[in-house]
């Protein structure tokens, strides 16, 4: 799946057209940002899936999975062979037993909460102490984490804040719920900017 070409706002040509035709309210904006983020999420996952088969890790995992499955089928046909394997080749038998036990534990493990298409969670076993599985923890790790604003003391700084808010939504450093609240704060700041003066008043010296 080729990566979509995005404009400076982070939207594809089709998304930009929909924005121009449909966005009138804050709810419309959130809908469009959700559409963009879902498209990006699909593209990231498809890119990982496309790259995976050519990696050394994929080759080793495939070999391991095939060997493990073959052992399982062998034991299903002839359960008594497990005792022979334990006696004759205890070290390799222990590896198989460890993998089998870990697989059973994984099937009982808490699941990844990363939202997939339609809002459904990933459901792969999640990393201990994390909300997500290995793949989605790695995806989240590359997301930018810092977001800062200038002092909102004049119209220029408020405009800079608006620009940074828009950029934060595009590059993922700002969550949409936070951006919605921030937009309200900036609106209040803009309405107040002509009513405040942070410069100290000059005291006229009385004539002596």
Protein backbone atom coordinates (compact mmCIF):
# COMPACT_ATOMS: atom_id res chain seq x y z
CA UNK A 1 0.00 0.00 0.00
CA UNK A 2 1.79 3.20 -1.14
CA UNK A 3 1.98 6.06 1.33
CA UNK A 4 -0.43 8.88 0.53
CA UNK A 5 0.89 12.22 -0.65
CA UNK A 6 0.05 14.86 1.95
CA UNK A 7 -0.05 18.63 1.64
CA UNK A 8 1.39 21.08 4.19
CA UNK A 9 -1.68 20.55 6.39
CA UNK A 10 -1.15 16.79 6.48
CA UNK A 11 -4.16 15.96 4.28
CA UNK A 12 -4.42 14.14 0.99
CA UNK A 13 -5.98 15.89 -2.00
CA UNK A 14 -9.27 14.06 -1.39
CA UNK A 15 -9.25 14.90 2.33
CA UNK A 16 -8.53 18.56 1.58
CA UNK A 17 -11.48 18.62 -0.84
CA UNK A 18 -13.75 17.09 1.81
CA UNK A 19 -12.49 19.67 4.32
CA UNK A 20 -13.38 22.54 1.99
CA UNK A 21 -16.80 21.08 1.20
CA UNK A 22 -17.93 19.83 4.61
CA UNK A 23 -16.11 21.47 7.54
CA UNK A 24 -18.25 24.09 9.25
CA UNK A 25 -18.09 23.23 12.96
CA UNK A 26 -15.62 21.91 15.51
CA UNK A 27 -17.28 18.50 15.23
CA UNK A 28 -16.64 18.53 11.49
CA UNK A 29 -12.98 19.30 12.18
CA UNK A 30 -12.70 16.39 14.61
CA UNK A 31 -14.31 14.08 12.06
CA UNK A 32 -11.79 15.09 9.41
CA UNK A 33 -8.83 14.71 11.78
CA UNK A 34 -10.12 11.26 12.77
CA UNK A 35 -10.37 10.32 9.09
CA UNK A 36 -6.81 11.50 8.47
CA UNK A 37 -5.41 9.71 11.54
CA UNK A 38 -7.19 6.48 10.64
CA UNK A 39 -5.76 6.63 7.12
CA UNK A 40 -2.26 7.23 8.52
CA UNK A 41 -2.69 4.34 10.95
CA UNK A 42 -3.66 1.97 8.14
CA UNK A 43 -0.71 3.09 6.06
CA UNK A 44 1.77 2.61 8.92
CA UNK A 45 0.47 -0.88 9.61
CA UNK A 46 0.50 -1.80 5.93
CA UNK A 47 4.07 -0.51 5.60
CA UNK A 48 5.20 -2.66 8.53
CA UNK A 49 3.44 -5.69 7.08
CA UNK A 50 5.02 -5.15 3.66
CA UNK A 51 8.53 -4.78 5.09
CA UNK A 52 8.29 -7.68 7.53
CA UNK A 53 8.62 -10.67 5.10
CA UNK A 54 12.02 -9.45 3.86
CA UNK A 55 13.56 -9.21 7.32
CA UNK A 56 15.84 -11.74 9.02
CA UNK A 57 13.47 -11.74 11.98
CA UNK A 58 10.60 -12.86 9.76
CA UNK A 59 12.66 -15.76 8.38
CA UNK A 60 13.62 -16.96 11.87
CA UNK A 61 10.10 -16.59 13.23
CA UNK A 62 8.77 -18.55 10.25
CA UNK A 63 11.24 -21.38 10.83
CA UNK A 64 10.46 -21.43 14.54
CA UNK A 65 6.72 -21.43 13.94
CA UNK A 66 6.90 -24.23 11.39
CA UNK A 67 9.09 -26.40 13.64
CA UNK A 68 6.84 -25.77 16.66
CA UNK A 69 3.70 -26.62 14.70
CA UNK A 70 5.32 -29.79 13.37
CA UNK A 71 6.22 -30.87 16.93
CA UNK A 72 2.67 -30.23 18.12
CA UNK A 73 1.20 -32.33 15.31
CA UNK A 74 3.69 -35.11 15.99
CA UNK A 75 2.72 -35.23 19.67
CA UNK A 76 -0.98 -35.22 18.75
CA UNK A 77 -0.44 -38.30 16.60
CA UNK A 78 1.88 -40.00 19.08
CA UNK A 79 1.70 -38.57 22.64
CA UNK A 80 4.11 -41.21 23.97
CA UNK A 81 6.96 -39.71 21.99
CA UNK A 82 7.17 -36.77 24.39
CA UNK A 83 8.58 -39.02 27.13
CA UNK A 84 11.17 -40.34 24.66
CA UNK A 85 12.12 -36.81 23.62
CA UNK A 86 12.49 -35.78 27.28
CA UNK A 87 14.77 -38.78 27.96
CA UNK A 88 16.87 -38.72 24.79
CA UNK A 89 17.09 -34.96 24.16
CA UNK A 90 16.04 -33.18 27.30
CA UNK A 91 17.54 -29.81 26.31
CA UNK A 92 15.55 -29.45 23.08
CA UNK A 93 12.47 -30.94 24.71
CA UNK A 94 12.71 -28.25 27.39
CA UNK A 95 12.80 -25.56 24.68
CA UNK A 96 9.63 -26.98 23.12
CA UNK A 97 7.94 -27.19 26.52
CA UNK A 98 8.89 -23.59 27.30
CA UNK A 99 7.47 -22.39 23.98
CA UNK A 100 4.26 -24.34 24.49
CA UNK A 101 3.81 -23.01 28.01
CA UNK A 102 4.53 -19.45 26.92
CA UNK A 103 2.02 -19.76 24.09
CA UNK A 104 -0.64 -20.88 26.52
CA UNK A 105 0.19 -17.95 28.80
CA UNK A 106 0.05 -15.55 25.85
CA UNK A 107 -3.41 -16.80 24.97
CA UNK A 108 -4.50 -15.87 28.50
CA UNK A 109 -2.57 -12.56 28.59
CA UNK A 110 -4.17 -9.09 28.61
CA UNK A 111 -4.65 -7.74 25.09
CA UNK A 112 -3.34 -4.68 23.26
CA UNK A 113 -5.72 -1.71 23.49
CA UNK A 114 -4.51 0.09 20.36
CA UNK A 115 -7.57 1.13 18.29
CA UNK A 116 -7.76 -0.42 14.83
CA UNK A 117 -10.18 0.23 11.98
CA UNK A 118 -13.68 0.88 13.22
CA UNK A 119 -12.43 1.48 16.76
CA UNK A 120 -11.78 -2.19 17.50
CA UNK A 121 -8.69 -2.86 19.67
CA UNK A 122 -5.68 -4.75 18.31
CA UNK A 123 -6.08 -7.72 20.72
CA UNK A 124 -2.49 -8.98 20.37
CA UNK A 125 -0.82 -9.80 23.73
CA UNK A 126 0.37 -6.51 25.19
CA UNK A 127 3.81 -5.77 26.61
CA UNK A 128 4.01 -6.06 30.39
CA UNK A 129 3.39 -2.68 31.99
CA UNK A 130 2.19 -1.17 28.69
CA UNK A 131 -1.20 -0.66 27.06
CA UNK A 132 -0.01 -1.92 23.67
CA UNK A 133 1.63 -4.91 21.98
CA UNK A 134 5.27 -4.84 20.79
CA UNK A 135 4.42 -3.45 17.35
CA UNK A 136 2.20 -0.65 18.59
CA UNK A 137 4.57 0.26 21.42
CA UNK A 138 7.25 0.70 18.75
CA UNK A 139 4.90 2.80 16.61
CA UNK A 140 4.04 5.07 19.53
CA UNK A 141 7.72 5.44 20.46
CA UNK A 142 8.48 7.32 17.24
CA UNK A 143 5.70 9.86 17.76
CA UNK A 144 6.88 13.34 18.81
CA UNK A 145 6.16 14.09 22.45
CA UNK A 146 6.88 17.77 23.05
CA UNK A 147 4.46 20.64 22.50
CA UNK A 148 4.87 24.20 23.76
CA UNK A 149 3.23 27.58 23.23
CA UNK A 150 4.48 31.16 23.40
CA UNK A 151 3.15 33.65 25.94
CA UNK A 152 -0.30 34.76 24.76
CA UNK A 153 0.28 38.46 25.36
CA UNK A 154 -0.34 39.97 21.91
CA UNK A 155 -2.02 39.18 18.60
CA UNK A 156 1.23 37.98 17.01
CA UNK A 157 1.93 35.42 19.75
CA UNK A 158 -1.66 34.18 19.59
CA UNK A 159 -1.31 33.68 15.83
CA UNK A 160 1.92 31.75 16.44
CA UNK A 161 0.03 29.61 18.97
CA UNK A 162 -2.69 28.93 16.39
CA UNK A 163 -0.06 27.87 13.87
CA UNK A 164 1.62 25.56 16.40
CA UNK A 165 -1.75 24.07 17.33
CA UNK A 166 -2.50 23.27 13.70
CA UNK A 167 0.98 21.78 13.25
CA UNK A 168 0.58 19.77 16.45
CA UNK A 169 -2.55 18.18 15.06
CA UNK A 170 -0.78 17.38 11.80
CA UNK A 171 2.34 15.78 13.29
CA UNK A 172 0.59 14.04 16.19
CA UNK A 173 2.13 15.96 19.10
CA UNK A 174 -1.29 17.27 20.11
CA UNK A 175 -4.36 15.16 20.80
CA UNK A 176 -7.59 16.35 19.22
CA UNK A 177 -9.42 16.74 22.55
CA UNK A 178 -6.60 18.94 23.83
CA UNK A 179 -6.57 20.92 20.57
CA UNK A 180 -10.30 21.60 20.91
CA UNK A 181 -9.84 22.98 24.42
CA UNK A 182 -6.79 24.95 23.32
CA UNK A 183 -8.76 26.49 20.44
CA UNK A 184 -11.25 27.81 22.97
CA UNK A 185 -8.46 29.24 25.15
CA UNK A 186 -6.92 30.96 22.12
CA UNK A 187 -10.30 32.38 21.16
CA UNK A 188 -10.66 33.89 24.65
CA UNK A 189 -7.11 35.21 24.49
CA UNK A 190 -7.81 36.88 21.14
CA UNK A 191 -10.96 38.54 22.47
CA UNK A 192 -9.03 39.87 25.50
CA UNK A 193 -5.84 40.96 23.79
CA UNK A 194 -7.01 44.56 23.21
CA UNK A 195 -8.24 44.89 26.78
CA UNK A 196 -5.01 44.16 28.61
CA UNK A 197 -1.68 45.95 28.83
CA UNK A 198 1.30 44.29 30.47
CA UNK A 199 3.53 47.33 30.12
CA UNK A 200 3.90 49.41 33.32
CA UNK A 201 2.24 52.80 33.15
CA UNK A 202 4.61 55.70 32.95
CA UNK A 203 4.26 58.12 35.88
CA UNK A 204 4.47 61.71 34.77
CA UNK A 205 6.77 63.81 36.87
CA UNK A 206 5.06 66.82 38.33
CA UNK A 207 6.58 70.15 37.51
CA UNK A 208 8.66 71.48 40.36
